[in-house]
Amino acid sequence: QVQLVESGGGSVQPGGSLRLSCSVSGSFFDVYDMGWYRQAPGNERELVARITRGGSTYYAYFVRGRFTISRDNAKNTVYLQMNSLKPEDTAVYYCKLDVGVSMYVRRDYWGQGTQVTVSS
């Protein structure tokens, strides 16, 4: 069974930094695209950043220049380095991994979510 575990959330002041991690474990063949999403109360879940297996990245415009997504394929882990945090970054952050669970089947898995709170 495939499981994702997120860590790194917390409360920081504006301008602070956090580093989120998401690791997948269990029985699977490979991990393809990885992404970070966030959802604030009353809002829809939105894409923050994603990274392909080859390392190509995409960032939502509202985090460009502040956040960096990276991955360690050997550890099956994706990271989100968040700098210059703003109050509007406050949300629950979720990782989503495209996992090859067999030779012919790929499936999306979601992390449990980690709270990021940015306030004075």
PDB file of N, CA and C in Angstrom:
ATOM      1  N   GLN A   1       0.841  -1.183   0.000  1.00  0.00           N
ATOM      2  CA  GLN A   1       0.000   0.000   0.000  1.00  0.00           C
ATOM      3  C   GLN A   1       0.880   1.238   0.000  1.00  0.00           C
ATOM      4  N   VAL A   2       0.517   2.216  -0.804  1.00  0.00           N
ATOM      5  CA  VAL A   2       1.278   3.445  -0.929  1.00  0.00           C
ATOM      6  C   VAL A   2       0.795   4.443   0.100  1.00  0.00           C
ATOM      7  N   GLN A   3       1.744   5.070   0.774  1.00  0.00           N
ATOM      8  CA  GLN A   3       1.418   6.082   1.765  1.00  0.00           C
ATOM      9  C   GLN A   3       2.320   7.289   1.598  1.00  0.00           C
ATOM     10  N   LEU A   4       1.748   8.472   1.800  1.00  0.00           N
ATOM     11  CA  LEU A   4       2.482   9.719   1.745  1.00  0.00           C
ATOM     12  C   LEU A   4       2.485  10.349   3.128  1.00  0.00           C
ATOM     13  N   VAL A   5       3.624  10.886   3.513  1.00  0.00           N
ATOM     14  CA  VAL A   5       3.759  11.560   4.796  1.00  0.00           C
ATOM     15  C   VAL A   5       4.346  12.938   4.567  1.00  0.00           C
ATOM     16  N   GLU A   6       3.629  13.968   5.026  1.00  0.00           N
ATOM     17  CA  GLU A   6       4.080  15.342   4.912  1.00  0.00           C
ATOM     18  C   GLU A   6       4.619  15.836   6.250  1.00  0.00           C
ATOM     19  N   SER A   7       5.531  16.786   6.170  1.00  0.00           N
ATOM     20  CA  SER A   7       6.060  17.409   7.370  1.00  0.00           C
ATOM     21  C   SER A   7       6.583  18.792   7.018  1.00  0.00           C
ATOM     22  N   GLY A   8       6.831  19.593   8.033  1.00  0.00           N
ATOM     23  CA  GLY A   8       7.475  20.879   7.844  1.00  0.00           C
ATOM     24  C   GLY A   8       6.601  22.097   8.030  1.00  0.00           C
ATOM     25  N   GLY A   9       5.307  21.911   8.196  1.00  0.00           N
ATOM     26  CA  GLY A   9       4.428  23.045   8.395  1.00  0.00           C
ATOM     27  C   GLY A   9       4.625  23.672   9.761  1.00  0.00           C
ATOM     28  N   GLY A  10       4.020  24.830   9.941  1.00  0.00           N
ATOM     29  CA  GLY A  10       4.128  25.526  11.205  1.00  0.00           C
ATOM     30  C   GLY A  10       3.665  26.954  11.090  1.00  0.00           C
ATOM     31  N   SER A  11       3.946  27.722  12.121  1.00  0.00           N
ATOM     32  CA  SER A  11       3.582  29.131  12.177  1.00  0.00           C
ATOM     33  C   SER A  11       4.826  29.994  12.128  1.00  0.00           C
ATOM     34  N   VAL A  12       4.802  30.981  11.246  1.00  0.00           N
ATOM     35  CA  VAL A  12       5.929  31.895  11.095  1.00  0.00           C
ATOM     36  C   VAL A  12       5.415  33.313  10.924  1.00  0.00           C
ATOM     37  N   GLN A  13       6.303  34.260  11.131  1.00  0.00           N
ATOM     38  CA  GLN A  13       5.991  35.659  10.885  1.00  0.00           C
ATOM     39  C   GLN A  13       6.170  35.983   9.409  1.00  0.00           C
ATOM     40  N   PRO A  14       5.523  37.033   8.936  1.00  0.00           N
ATOM     41  CA  PRO A  14       5.752  37.445   7.552  1.00  0.00           C
ATOM     42  C   PRO A  14       7.236  37.640   7.268  1.00  0.00           C
ATOM     43  N   GLY A  15       7.657  37.165   6.105  1.00  0.00           N
ATOM     44  CA  GLY A  15       9.056  37.213   5.744  1.00  0.00           C
ATOM     45  C   GLY A  15       9.844  35.993   6.158  1.00  0.00           C
ATOM     46  N   GLY A  16       9.238  35.126   6.940  1.00  0.00           N
ATOM     47  CA  GLY A  16       9.909  33.931   7.397  1.00  0.00           C
ATOM     48  C   GLY A  16       9.945  32.836   6.348  1.00  0.00           C
ATOM     49  N   SER A  17      10.526  31.704   6.735  1.00  0.00           N
ATOM     50  CA  SER A  17      10.710  30.590   5.815  1.00  0.00           C
ATOM     51  C   SER A  17      10.275  29.281   6.452  1.00  0.00           C
ATOM     52  N   LEU A  18       9.835  28.374   5.609  1.00  0.00           N
ATOM     53  CA  LEU A  18       9.526  27.012   5.994  1.00  0.00           C
ATOM     54  C   LEU A  18       9.938  26.088   4.868  1.00  0.00           C
ATOM     55  N   ARG A  19      10.227  24.857   5.225  1.00  0.00           N
ATOM     56  CA  ARG A  19      10.556  23.843   4.230  1.00  0.00           C
ATOM     57  C   ARG A  19       9.651  22.635   4.441  1.00  0.00           C
ATOM     58  N   LEU A  20       8.827  22.362   3.462  1.00  0.00           N
ATOM     59  CA  LEU A  20       7.927  21.228   3.513  1.00  0.00           C
ATOM     60  C   LEU A  20       8.555  20.023   2.838  1.00  0.00           C
ATOM     61  N   SER A  21       8.247  18.855   3.364  1.00  0.00           N
ATOM     62  CA  SER A  21       8.719  17.610   2.789  1.00  0.00           C
ATOM     63  C   SER A  21       7.552  16.656   2.636  1.00  0.00           C
ATOM     64  N   CYS A  22       7.632  15.818   1.631  1.00  0.00           N
ATOM     65  CA  CYS A  22       6.619  14.801   1.405  1.00  0.00           C
ATOM     66  C   CYS A  22       7.307  13.566   0.855  1.00  0.00           C
ATOM     67  N   SER A  23       7.183  12.475   1.574  1.00  0.00           N
ATOM     68  CA  SER A  23       7.825  11.227   1.186  1.00  0.00           C
ATOM     69  C   SER A  23       6.784  10.142   0.957  1.00  0.00           C
ATOM     70  N   VAL A  24       7.016   9.340  -0.048  1.00  0.00           N
ATOM     71  CA  VAL A  24       6.127   8.233  -0.357  1.00  0.00           C
ATOM     72  C   VAL A  24       6.817   6.926   0.011  1.00  0.00           C
ATOM     73  N   SER A  25       6.058   6.025   0.562  1.00  0.00           N
ATOM     74  CA  SER A  25       6.567   4.718   0.916  1.00  0.00           C
ATOM     75  C   SER A  25       5.531   3.664   0.551  1.00  0.00           C
ATOM     76  N   GLY A  26       5.966   2.430   0.523  1.00  0.00           N
ATOM     77  CA  GLY A  26       5.076   1.339   0.204  1.00  0.00           C
ATOM     78  C   GLY A  26       5.547   0.584  -1.022  1.00  0.00           C
ATOM     79  N   SER A  27       4.612  -0.039  -1.675  1.00  0.00           N
ATOM     80  CA  SER A  27       4.908  -0.853  -2.846  1.00  0.00           C
ATOM     81  C   SER A  27       4.530  -0.085  -4.109  1.00  0.00           C
ATOM     82  N   PHE A  28       5.528   0.257  -4.900  1.00  0.00           N
ATOM     83  CA  PHE A  28       5.287   0.966  -6.148  1.00  0.00           C
ATOM     84  C   PHE A  28       6.493   0.811  -7.054  1.00  0.00           C
ATOM     85  N   PHE A  29       6.275   1.108  -8.315  1.00  0.00           N
ATOM     86  CA  PHE A  29       7.339   0.984  -9.300  1.00  0.00           C
ATOM     87  C   PHE A  29       8.159   2.253  -9.433  1.00  0.00           C
ATOM     88  N   ASP A  30       7.494   3.391  -9.523  1.00  0.00           N
ATOM     89  CA  ASP A  30       8.197   4.643  -9.752  1.00  0.00           C
ATOM     90  C   ASP A  30       7.288   5.802  -9.366  1.00  0.00           C
ATOM     91  N   VAL A  31       7.892   6.971  -9.238  1.00  0.00           N
ATOM     92  CA  VAL A  31       7.165   8.190  -8.956  1.00  0.00           C
ATOM     93  C   VAL A  31       7.409   9.167 -10.089  1.00  0.00           C
ATOM     94  N   TYR A  32       6.345   9.673 -10.665  1.00  0.00           N
ATOM     95  CA  TYR A  32       6.467  10.560 -11.808  1.00  0.00           C
ATOM     96  C   TYR A  32       6.322  12.015 -11.351  1.00  0.00           C
ATOM     97  N   ASP A  33       5.318  12.718 -11.815  1.00  0.00           N
ATOM     98  CA  ASP A  33       5.193  14.111 -11.420  1.00  0.00           C
ATOM     99  C   ASP A  33       4.840  14.246  -9.944  1.00  0.00           C
ATOM    100  N   MET A  34       5.382  15.288  -9.336  1.00  0.00           N
ATOM    101  CA  MET A  34       5.082  15.623  -7.955  1.00  0.00           C
ATOM    102  C   MET A  34       4.616  17.071  -7.903  1.00  0.00           C
ATOM    103  N   GLY A  35       3.730  17.364  -6.993  1.00  0.00           N
ATOM    104  CA  GLY A  35       3.234  18.720  -6.894  1.00  0.00           C
ATOM    105  C   GLY A  35       2.833  19.094  -5.489  1.00  0.00           C
ATOM    106  N   TRP A  36       2.776  20.393  -5.269  1.00  0.00           N
ATOM    107  CA  TRP A  36       2.281  20.954  -4.022  1.00  0.00           C
ATOM    108  C   TRP A  36       1.052  21.803  -4.309  1.00  0.00           C
ATOM    109  N   TYR A  37       0.029  21.607  -3.518  1.00  0.00           N
ATOM    110  CA  TYR A  37      -1.210  22.357  -3.603  1.00  0.00           C
ATOM    111  C   TYR A  37      -1.503  22.975  -2.246  1.00  0.00           C
ATOM    112  N   ARG A  38      -2.358  23.967  -2.242  1.00  0.00           N
ATOM    113  CA  ARG A  38      -2.752  24.545  -0.969  1.00  0.00           C
ATOM    114  C   ARG A  38      -4.228  24.911  -1.003  1.00  0.00           C
ATOM    115  N   GLN A  39      -4.813  24.950   0.170  1.00  0.00           N
ATOM    116  CA  GLN A  39      -6.220  25.278   0.297  1.00  0.00           C
ATOM    117  C   GLN A  39      -6.443  26.076   1.575  1.00  0.00           C
ATOM    118  N   ALA A  40      -6.930  27.284   1.405  1.00  0.00           N
ATOM    119  CA  ALA A  40      -7.289  28.130   2.524  1.00  0.00           C
ATOM    120  C   ALA A  40      -8.784  27.983   2.795  1.00  0.00           C
ATOM    121  N   PRO A  41      -9.228  28.253   4.012  1.00  0.00           N
ATOM    122  CA  PRO A  41     -10.650  28.140   4.323  1.00  0.00           C
ATOM    123  C   PRO A  41     -11.511  28.955   3.374  1.00  0.00           C
ATOM    124  N   GLY A  42     -12.532  28.312   2.826  1.00  0.00           N
ATOM    125  CA  GLY A  42     -13.435  28.980   1.914  1.00  0.00           C
ATOM    126  C   GLY A  42     -12.956  29.053   0.487  1.00  0.00           C
ATOM    127  N   ASN A  43     -11.741  28.596   0.222  1.00  0.00           N
ATOM    128  CA  ASN A  43     -11.176  28.650  -1.120  1.00  0.00           C
ATOM    129  C   ASN A  43     -11.028  27.258  -1.708  1.00  0.00           C
ATOM    130  N   GLU A  44     -10.890  27.223  -3.019  1.00  0.00           N
ATOM    131  CA  GLU A  44     -10.608  25.971  -3.691  1.00  0.00           C
ATOM    132  C   GLU A  44      -9.142  25.610  -3.532  1.00  0.00           C
ATOM    133  N   ARG A  45      -8.864  24.347  -3.650  1.00  0.00           N
ATOM    134  CA  ARG A  45      -7.484  23.897  -3.641  1.00  0.00           C
ATOM    135  C   ARG A  45      -6.803  24.363  -4.926  1.00  0.00           C
ATOM    136  N   GLU A  46      -5.614  24.923  -4.797  1.00  0.00           N
ATOM    137  CA  GLU A  46      -4.918  25.474  -5.939  1.00  0.00           C
ATOM    138  C   GLU A  46      -3.502  24.938  -6.036  1.00  0.00           C
ATOM    139  N   LEU A  47      -3.032  24.834  -7.259  1.00  0.00           N
ATOM    140  CA  LEU A  47      -1.680  24.364  -7.502  1.00  0.00           C
ATOM    141  C   LEU A  47      -0.683  25.447  -7.112  1.00  0.00           C
ATOM    142  N   VAL A  48       0.335  25.049  -6.381  1.00  0.00           N
ATOM    143  CA  VAL A  48       1.415  25.946  -5.991  1.00  0.00           C
ATOM    144  C   VAL A  48       2.634  25.738  -6.878  1.00  0.00           C
ATOM    145  N   ALA A  49       3.044  24.499  -7.023  1.00  0.00           N
ATOM    146  CA  ALA A  49       4.211  24.169  -7.830  1.00  0.00           C
ATOM    147  C   ALA A  49       4.180  22.697  -8.178  1.00  0.00           C
ATOM    148  N   ARG A  50       4.820  22.356  -9.262  1.00  0.00           N
ATOM    149  CA  ARG A  50       4.956  20.956  -9.621  1.00  0.00           C
ATOM    150  C   ARG A  50       6.316  20.727 -10.249  1.00  0.00           C
ATOM    151  N   ILE A  51       6.740  19.470 -10.222  1.00  0.00           N
ATOM    152  CA  ILE A  51       8.025  19.100 -10.770  1.00  0.00           C
ATOM    153  C   ILE A  51       7.904  17.731 -11.406  1.00  0.00           C
ATOM    154  N   THR A  52       8.444  17.604 -12.603  1.00  0.00           N
ATOM    155  CA  THR A  52       8.418  16.326 -13.292  1.00  0.00           C
ATOM    156  C   THR A  52       9.547  15.444 -12.787  1.00  0.00           C
ATOM    157  N   ARG A  53       9.519  14.198 -13.210  1.00  0.00           N
ATOM    158  CA  ARG A  53      10.566  13.287 -12.796  1.00  0.00           C
ATOM    159  C   ARG A  53      11.932  13.761 -13.283  1.00  0.00           C
ATOM    160  N   GLY A  54      11.959  14.404 -14.443  1.00  0.00           N
ATOM    161  CA  GLY A  54      13.198  14.912 -14.986  1.00  0.00           C
ATOM    162  C   GLY A  54      13.651  16.235 -14.407  1.00  0.00           C
ATOM    163  N   GLY A  55      12.826  16.840 -13.549  1.00  0.00           N
ATOM    164  CA  GLY A  55      13.229  18.056 -12.882  1.00  0.00           C
ATOM    165  C   GLY A  55      12.660  19.343 -13.442  1.00  0.00           C
ATOM    166  N   SER A  56      11.820  19.268 -14.457  1.00  0.00           N
ATOM    167  CA  SER A  56      11.180  20.470 -14.968  1.00  0.00           C
ATOM    168  C   SER A  56      10.170  20.979 -13.961  1.00  0.00           C
ATOM    169  N   THR A  57      10.140  22.282 -13.766  1.00  0.00           N
ATOM    170  CA  THR A  57       9.301  22.862 -12.727  1.00  0.00           C
ATOM    171  C   THR A  57       8.307  23.857 -13.284  1.00  0.00           C
ATOM    172  N   TYR A  58       7.235  24.020 -12.547  1.00  0.00           N
ATOM    173  CA  TYR A  58       6.243  25.045 -12.812  1.00  0.00           C
ATOM    174  C   TYR A  58       5.839  25.651 -11.486  1.00  0.00           C
ATOM    175  N   TYR A  59       5.668  26.972 -11.472  1.00  0.00           N
ATOM    176  CA  TYR A  59       5.239  27.675 -10.275  1.00  0.00           C
ATOM    177  C   TYR A  59       4.043  28.546 -10.579  1.00  0.00           C
ATOM    178  N   ALA A  60       3.110  28.557  -9.666  1.00  0.00           N
ATOM    179  CA  ALA A  60       2.045  29.531  -9.747  1.00  0.00           C
ATOM    180  C   ALA A  60       2.646  30.929  -9.643  1.00  0.00           C
ATOM    181  N   TYR A  61       2.039  31.884 -10.325  1.00  0.00           N
ATOM    182  CA  TYR A  61       2.628  33.216 -10.385  1.00  0.00           C
ATOM    183  C   TYR A  61       2.791  33.842  -9.005  1.00  0.00           C
ATOM    184  N   PHE A  62       1.909  33.495  -8.076  1.00  0.00           N
ATOM    185  CA  PHE A  62       1.930  34.150  -6.777  1.00  0.00           C
ATOM    186  C   PHE A  62       3.043  33.662  -5.859  1.00  0.00           C
ATOM    187  N   VAL A  63       3.796  32.638  -6.281  1.00  0.00           N
ATOM    188  CA  VAL A  63       4.923  32.174  -5.473  1.00  0.00           C
ATOM    189  C   VAL A  63       6.250  32.254  -6.213  1.00  0.00           C
ATOM    190  N   ARG A  64       6.225  32.664  -7.449  1.00  0.00           N
ATOM    191  CA  ARG A  64       7.461  32.725  -8.222  1.00  0.00           C
ATOM    192  C   ARG A  64       8.450  33.700  -7.593  1.00  0.00           C
ATOM    193  N   GLY A  65       9.684  33.237  -7.497  1.00  0.00           N
ATOM    194  CA  GLY A  65      10.721  34.025  -6.863  1.00  0.00           C
ATOM    195  C   GLY A  65      10.809  33.841  -5.372  1.00  0.00           C
ATOM    196  N   ARG A  66       9.831  33.173  -4.765  1.00  0.00           N
ATOM    197  CA  ARG A  66       9.828  32.967  -3.321  1.00  0.00           C
ATOM    198  C   ARG A  66       9.917  31.492  -2.941  1.00  0.00           C
ATOM    199  N   PHE A  67       9.254  30.636  -3.704  1.00  0.00           N
ATOM    200  CA  PHE A  67       9.214  29.205  -3.397  1.00  0.00           C
ATOM    201  C   PHE A  67      10.079  28.431  -4.385  1.00  0.00           C
ATOM    202  N   THR A  68      10.616  27.320  -3.922  1.00  0.00           N
ATOM    203  CA  THR A  68      11.389  26.438  -4.772  1.00  0.00           C
ATOM    204  C   THR A  68      10.972  24.996  -4.521  1.00  0.00           C
ATOM    205  N   ILE A  69      10.574  24.315  -5.580  1.00  0.00           N
ATOM    206  CA  ILE A  69      10.240  22.905  -5.469  1.00  0.00           C
ATOM    207  C   ILE A  69      11.429  22.078  -5.940  1.00  0.00           C
ATOM    208  N   SER A  70      11.685  20.984  -5.266  1.00  0.00           N
ATOM    209  CA  SER A  70      12.770  20.095  -5.636  1.00  0.00           C
ATOM    210  C   SER A  70      12.391  18.672  -5.261  1.00  0.00           C
ATOM    211  N   ARG A  71      13.167  17.727  -5.736  1.00  0.00           N
ATOM    212  CA  ARG A  71      12.875  16.335  -5.430  1.00  0.00           C
ATOM    213  C   ARG A  71      14.157  15.530  -5.329  1.00  0.00           C
ATOM    214  N   ASP A  72      14.079  14.486  -4.564  1.00  0.00           N
ATOM    215  CA  ASP A  72      15.151  13.520  -4.428  1.00  0.00           C
ATOM    216  C   ASP A  72      14.561  12.181  -4.846  1.00  0.00           C
ATOM    217  N   ASN A  73      14.859  11.771  -6.056  1.00  0.00           N
ATOM    218  CA  ASN A  73      14.255  10.556  -6.582  1.00  0.00           C
ATOM    219  C   ASN A  73      14.699   9.307  -5.824  1.00  0.00           C
ATOM    220  N   ALA A  74      15.924   9.316  -5.334  1.00  0.00           N
ATOM    221  CA  ALA A  74      16.412   8.175  -4.576  1.00  0.00           C
ATOM    222  C   ALA A  74      15.624   7.988  -3.284  1.00  0.00           C
ATOM    223  N   LYS A  75      15.174   9.097  -2.707  1.00  0.00           N
ATOM    224  CA  LYS A  75      14.402   9.055  -1.474  1.00  0.00           C
ATOM    225  C   LYS A  75      12.901   9.136  -1.709  1.00  0.00           C
ATOM    226  N   ASN A  76      12.503   9.272  -2.970  1.00  0.00           N
ATOM    227  CA  ASN A  76      11.084   9.419  -3.310  1.00  0.00           C
ATOM    228  C   ASN A  76      10.437  10.527  -2.482  1.00  0.00           C
ATOM    229  N   THR A  77      11.095  11.661  -2.479  1.00  0.00           N
ATOM    230  CA  THR A  77      10.685  12.778  -1.652  1.00  0.00           C
ATOM    231  C   THR A  77      10.638  14.059  -2.473  1.00  0.00           C
ATOM    232  N   VAL A  78       9.639  14.867  -2.216  1.00  0.00           N
ATOM    233  CA  VAL A  78       9.520  16.180  -2.819  1.00  0.00           C
ATOM    234  C   VAL A  78       9.552  17.227  -1.716  1.00  0.00           C
ATOM    235  N   TYR A  79      10.184  18.356  -2.007  1.00  0.00           N
ATOM    236  CA  TYR A  79      10.335  19.424  -1.042  1.00  0.00           C
ATOM    237  C   TYR A  79       9.741  20.711  -1.594  1.00  0.00           C
ATOM    238  N   LEU A  80       9.360  21.574  -0.691  1.00  0.00           N
ATOM    239  CA  LEU A  80       8.956  22.921  -1.054  1.00  0.00           C
ATOM    240  C   LEU A  80       9.608  23.886  -0.085  1.00  0.00           C
ATOM    241  N   GLN A  81      10.610  24.596  -0.563  1.00  0.00           N
ATOM    242  CA  GLN A  81      11.257  25.631   0.220  1.00  0.00           C
ATOM    243  C   GLN A  81      10.474  26.917   0.035  1.00  0.00           C
ATOM    244  N   MET A  82       9.961  27.452   1.121  1.00  0.00           N
ATOM    245  CA  MET A  82       9.128  28.638   1.077  1.00  0.00           C
ATOM    246  C   MET A  82       9.833  29.771   1.805  1.00  0.00           C
ATOM    247  N   ASN A  83      10.189  30.796   1.064  1.00  0.00           N
ATOM    248  CA  ASN A  83      10.839  31.969   1.619  1.00  0.00           C
ATOM    249  C   ASN A  83       9.938  33.183   1.450  1.00  0.00           C
ATOM    250  N   SER A  84      10.266  34.225   2.183  1.00  0.00           N
ATOM    251  CA  SER A  84       9.515  35.482   2.100  1.00  0.00           C
ATOM    252  C   SER A  84       8.020  35.245   2.219  1.00  0.00           C
ATOM    253  N   LEU A  85       7.642  34.472   3.197  1.00  0.00           N
ATOM    254  CA  LEU A  85       6.242  34.093   3.355  1.00  0.00           C
ATOM    255  C   LEU A  85       5.370  35.299   3.675  1.00  0.00           C
ATOM    256  N   LYS A  86       4.175  35.268   3.127  1.00  0.00           N
ATOM    257  CA  LYS A  86       3.197  36.326   3.299  1.00  0.00           C
ATOM    258  C   LYS A  86       1.961  35.779   4.001  1.00  0.00           C
ATOM    259  N   PRO A  87       1.193  36.636   4.654  1.00  0.00           N
ATOM    260  CA  PRO A  87      -0.038  36.158   5.289  1.00  0.00           C
ATOM    261  C   PRO A  87      -0.962  35.422   4.329  1.00  0.00           C
ATOM    262  N   GLU A  88      -1.002  35.847   3.082  1.00  0.00           N
ATOM    263  CA  GLU A  88      -1.863  35.184   2.118  1.00  0.00           C
ATOM    264  C   GLU A  88      -1.390  33.788   1.728  1.00  0.00           C
ATOM    265  N   ASP A  89      -0.200  33.399   2.184  1.00  0.00           N
ATOM    266  CA  ASP A  89       0.266  32.031   1.986  1.00  0.00           C
ATOM    267  C   ASP A  89      -0.335  31.069   3.001  1.00  0.00           C
ATOM    268  N   THR A  90      -1.036  31.592   3.978  1.00  0.00           N
ATOM    269  CA  THR A  90      -1.638  30.758   5.002  1.00  0.00           C
ATOM    270  C   THR A  90      -2.647  29.794   4.383  1.00  0.00           C
ATOM    271  N   ALA A  91      -2.439  28.515   4.617  1.00  0.00           N
ATOM    272  CA  ALA A  91      -3.293  27.493   4.036  1.00  0.00           C
ATOM    273  C   ALA A  91      -2.822  26.131   4.524  1.00  0.00           C
ATOM    274  N   VAL A  92      -3.609  25.125   4.216  1.00  0.00           N
ATOM    275  CA  VAL A  92      -3.158  23.757   4.369  1.00  0.00           C
ATOM    276  C   VAL A  92      -2.493  23.353   3.065  1.00  0.00           C
ATOM    277  N   TYR A  93      -1.287  22.858   3.156  1.00  0.00           N
ATOM    278  CA  TYR A  93      -0.520  22.480   1.986  1.00  0.00           C
ATOM    279  C   TYR A  93      -0.535  20.964   1.830  1.00  0.00           C
ATOM    280  N   TYR A  94      -0.818  20.525   0.620  1.00  0.00           N
ATOM    281  CA  TYR A  94      -0.904  19.111   0.302  1.00  0.00           C
ATOM    282  C   TYR A  94       0.085  18.761  -0.802  1.00  0.00           C
ATOM    283  N   CYS A  95       0.744  17.642  -0.654  1.00  0.00           N
ATOM    284  CA  CYS A  95       1.525  17.124  -1.764  1.00  0.00           C
ATOM    285  C   CYS A  95       0.681  16.141  -2.547  1.00  0.00           C
ATOM    286  N   LYS A  96       0.939  16.068  -3.820  1.00  0.00           N
ATOM    287  CA  LYS A  96       0.292  15.096  -4.685  1.00  0.00           C
ATOM    288  C   LYS A  96       1.347  14.449  -5.562  1.00  0.00           C
ATOM    289  N   LEU A  97       1.370  13.136  -5.543  1.00  0.00           N
ATOM    290  CA  LEU A  97       2.354  12.386  -6.299  1.00  0.00           C
ATOM    291  C   LEU A  97       1.672  11.465  -7.292  1.00  0.00           C
ATOM    292  N   ASP A  98       2.203  11.461  -8.499  1.00  0.00           N
ATOM    293  CA  ASP A  98       1.762  10.551  -9.542  1.00  0.00           C
ATOM    294  C   ASP A  98       2.636   9.305  -9.428  1.00  0.00           C
ATOM    295  N   VAL A  99       2.038   8.220  -8.959  1.00  0.00           N
ATOM    296  CA  VAL A  99       2.788   7.030  -8.597  1.00  0.00           C
ATOM    297  C   VAL A  99       2.443   5.884  -9.528  1.00  0.00           C
ATOM    298  N   GLY A 100       3.467   5.238 -10.039  1.00  0.00           N
ATOM    299  CA  GLY A 100       3.269   4.018 -10.801  1.00  0.00           C
ATOM    300  C   GLY A 100       3.143   2.847  -9.849  1.00  0.00           C
ATOM    301  N   VAL A 101       1.927   2.359  -9.675  1.00  0.00           N
ATOM    302  CA  VAL A 101       1.683   1.288  -8.716  1.00  0.00           C
ATOM    303  C   VAL A 101       1.875  -0.090  -9.332  1.00  0.00           C
ATOM    304  N   SER A 102       1.956  -0.147 -10.629  1.00  0.00           N
ATOM    305  CA  SER A 102       2.281  -1.366 -11.347  1.00  0.00           C
ATOM    306  C   SER A 102       2.896  -0.959 -12.668  1.00  0.00           C
ATOM    307  N   MET A 103       3.232  -1.921 -13.476  1.00  0.00           N
ATOM    308  CA  MET A 103       3.838  -1.609 -14.755  1.00  0.00           C
ATOM    309  C   MET A 103       2.903  -0.817 -15.660  1.00  0.00           C
ATOM    310  N   TYR A 104       1.604  -0.974 -15.474  1.00  0.00           N
ATOM    311  CA  TYR A 104       0.641  -0.365 -16.377  1.00  0.00           C
ATOM    312  C   TYR A 104      -0.310   0.631 -15.723  1.00  0.00           C
ATOM    313  N   VAL A 105      -0.198   0.830 -14.433  1.00  0.00           N
ATOM    314  CA  VAL A 105      -1.146   1.672 -13.718  1.00  0.00           C
ATOM    315  C   VAL A 105      -0.429   2.788 -12.988  1.00  0.00           C
ATOM    316  N   ARG A 106      -0.887   4.009 -13.209  1.00  0.00           N
ATOM    317  CA  ARG A 106      -0.412   5.169 -12.478  1.00  0.00           C
ATOM    318  C   ARG A 106      -1.586   5.782 -11.733  1.00  0.00           C
ATOM    319  N   ARG A 107      -1.320   6.242 -10.544  1.00  0.00           N
ATOM    320  CA  ARG A 107      -2.373   6.721  -9.677  1.00  0.00           C
ATOM    321  C   ARG A 107      -1.898   7.924  -8.869  1.00  0.00           C
ATOM    322  N   ASP A 108      -2.774   8.889  -8.688  1.00  0.00           N
ATOM    323  CA  ASP A 108      -2.459  10.050  -7.873  1.00  0.00           C
ATOM    324  C   ASP A 108      -2.700   9.755  -6.404  1.00  0.00           C
ATOM    325  N   TYR A 109      -1.744  10.169  -5.573  1.00  0.00           N
ATOM    326  CA  TYR A 109      -1.871  10.036  -4.134  1.00  0.00           C
ATOM    327  C   TYR A 109      -1.674  11.402  -3.494  1.00  0.00           C
ATOM    328  N   TRP A 110      -2.455  11.657  -2.461  1.00  0.00           N
ATOM    329  CA  TRP A 110      -2.407  12.919  -1.734  1.00  0.00           C
ATOM    330  C   TRP A 110      -1.848  12.728  -0.343  1.00  0.00           C
ATOM    331  N   GLY A 111      -1.056  13.690   0.086  1.00  0.00           N
ATOM    332  CA  GLY A 111      -0.616  13.717   1.460  1.00  0.00           C
ATOM    333  C   GLY A 111      -1.736  14.140   2.388  1.00  0.00           C
ATOM    334  N   GLN A 112      -1.482  14.027   3.681  1.00  0.00           N
ATOM    335  CA  GLN A 112      -2.521  14.328   4.659  1.00  0.00           C
ATOM    336  C   GLN A 112      -2.730  15.822   4.865  1.00  0.00           C
ATOM    337  N   GLY A 113      -1.820  16.630   4.379  1.00  0.00           N
ATOM    338  CA  GLY A 113      -1.895  18.065   4.546  1.00  0.00           C
ATOM    339  C   GLY A 113      -1.112  18.539   5.751  1.00  0.00           C
ATOM    340  N   THR A 114      -0.489  19.685   5.608  1.00  0.00           N
ATOM    341  CA  THR A 114       0.229  20.298   6.718  1.00  0.00           C
ATOM    342  C   THR A 114      -0.107  21.788   6.752  1.00  0.00           C
ATOM    343  N   GLN A 115      -0.391  22.287   7.939  1.00  0.00           N
ATOM    344  CA  GLN A 115      -0.836  23.669   8.098  1.00  0.00           C
ATOM    345  C   GLN A 115       0.342  24.626   8.068  1.00  0.00           C
ATOM    346  N   VAL A 116       0.213  25.658   7.258  1.00  0.00           N
ATOM    347  CA  VAL A 116       1.165  26.758   7.221  1.00  0.00           C
ATOM    348  C   VAL A 116       0.416  28.025   7.598  1.00  0.00           C
ATOM    349  N   THR A 117       0.873  28.680   8.640  1.00  0.00           N
ATOM    350  CA  THR A 117       0.244  29.907   9.110  1.00  0.00           C
ATOM    351  C   THR A 117       1.279  31.020   9.146  1.00  0.00           C
ATOM    352  N   VAL A 118       0.972  32.113   8.477  1.00  0.00           N
ATOM    353  CA  VAL A 118       1.869  33.264   8.416  1.00  0.00           C
ATOM    354  C   VAL A 118       1.130  34.462   8.999  1.00  0.00           C
ATOM    355  N   SER A 119       1.583  34.928  10.137  1.00  0.00           N
ATOM    356  CA  SER A 119       0.924  36.042  10.799  1.00  0.00           C
ATOM    357  C   SER A 119       1.892  36.747  11.722  1.00  0.00           C
ATOM    358  N   SER A 120       1.576  38.006  12.015  1.00  0.00           N
ATOM    359  CA  SER A 120       2.413  38.792  12.912  1.00  0.00           C
ATOM    360  C   SER A 120       2.111  38.453  14.360  1.00  0.00           C
TER     361      SER A 120
END
